Structure formats: C-alpha cells, structure tokens
Amino acid sequence: VTTSGIKQGPVLHSVSQQPV
C-alpha cells in the first residue's frame, strides 16, 4: 500500500506523514 507517493514497506510506519 502506498500513501502520497510513499514507498511500500516498513517505512510507512516511520514516514506515514512524509512523501518519500
């Protein structure tokens, strides 16, 4: 699942509010 351009993976928990 991607959020606002955020890459898939455990990073979603760390940067769920910042587009990567």
N, C-alpha and C. Protein backbone atom coordinates (compact mmCIF):
# COMPACT_ATOMS: atom_id res chain seq x y z
N VAL A 1 0.84 -1.21 0.00
CA VAL A 1 0.00 0.00 0.00
C VAL A 1 0.87 1.25 0.00
N THR A 2 0.57 2.16 -0.90
CA THR A 2 1.36 3.40 -0.96
C THR A 2 0.52 4.58 -0.48
N THR A 3 1.17 5.54 0.15
CA THR A 3 0.45 6.71 0.66
C THR A 3 1.14 7.99 0.23
N SER A 4 0.48 8.75 -0.64
CA SER A 4 1.03 10.03 -1.10
C SER A 4 2.44 9.87 -1.66
N GLY A 5 2.69 8.81 -2.38
CA GLY A 5 4.00 8.63 -3.00
C GLY A 5 4.99 7.93 -2.10
N ILE A 6 4.54 7.51 -0.92
CA ILE A 6 5.45 6.81 -0.01
C ILE A 6 5.67 5.38 -0.51
N LYS A 7 6.90 4.93 -0.47
CA LYS A 7 7.24 3.60 -0.96
C LYS A 7 6.65 2.51 -0.07
N GLN A 8 6.40 1.35 -0.65
CA GLN A 8 5.90 0.22 0.12
C GLN A 8 6.96 -0.27 1.08
N GLY A 9 6.53 -0.80 2.22
CA GLY A 9 7.49 -1.35 3.18
C GLY A 9 7.28 -0.79 4.58
N PRO A 10 8.14 -1.19 5.49
CA PRO A 10 8.07 -0.79 6.90
C PRO A 10 8.26 0.71 7.09
N VAL A 11 8.73 1.38 6.05
CA VAL A 11 8.96 2.83 6.14
C VAL A 11 7.64 3.57 6.32
N LEU A 12 6.54 2.90 5.96
CA LEU A 12 5.22 3.52 6.10
C LEU A 12 4.94 3.88 7.55
N HIS A 13 5.54 3.14 8.46
CA HIS A 13 5.30 3.38 9.88
C HIS A 13 6.13 4.57 10.37
N SER A 14 7.23 4.82 9.69
CA SER A 14 8.14 5.88 10.13
C SER A 14 7.85 7.20 9.42
N VAL A 15 7.47 7.12 8.14
CA VAL A 15 7.22 8.35 7.38
C VAL A 15 5.83 8.33 6.78
N SER A 16 4.84 8.01 7.60
CA SER A 16 3.48 7.91 7.12
C SER A 16 2.93 9.30 6.79
N GLN A 17 3.61 10.34 7.26
CA GLN A 17 3.14 11.70 7.03
C GLN A 17 4.05 12.45 6.07
N GLN A 18 5.12 11.81 5.63
CA GLN A 18 6.05 12.47 4.72
C GLN A 18 6.21 11.69 3.42
N PRO A 19 5.85 12.32 2.28
CA PRO A 19 6.03 11.68 0.97
C PRO A 19 7.50 11.47 0.67
N VAL A 20 7.88 10.27 0.28
CA VAL A 20 9.30 9.99 0.05
C VAL A 20 9.65 10.19 -1.43
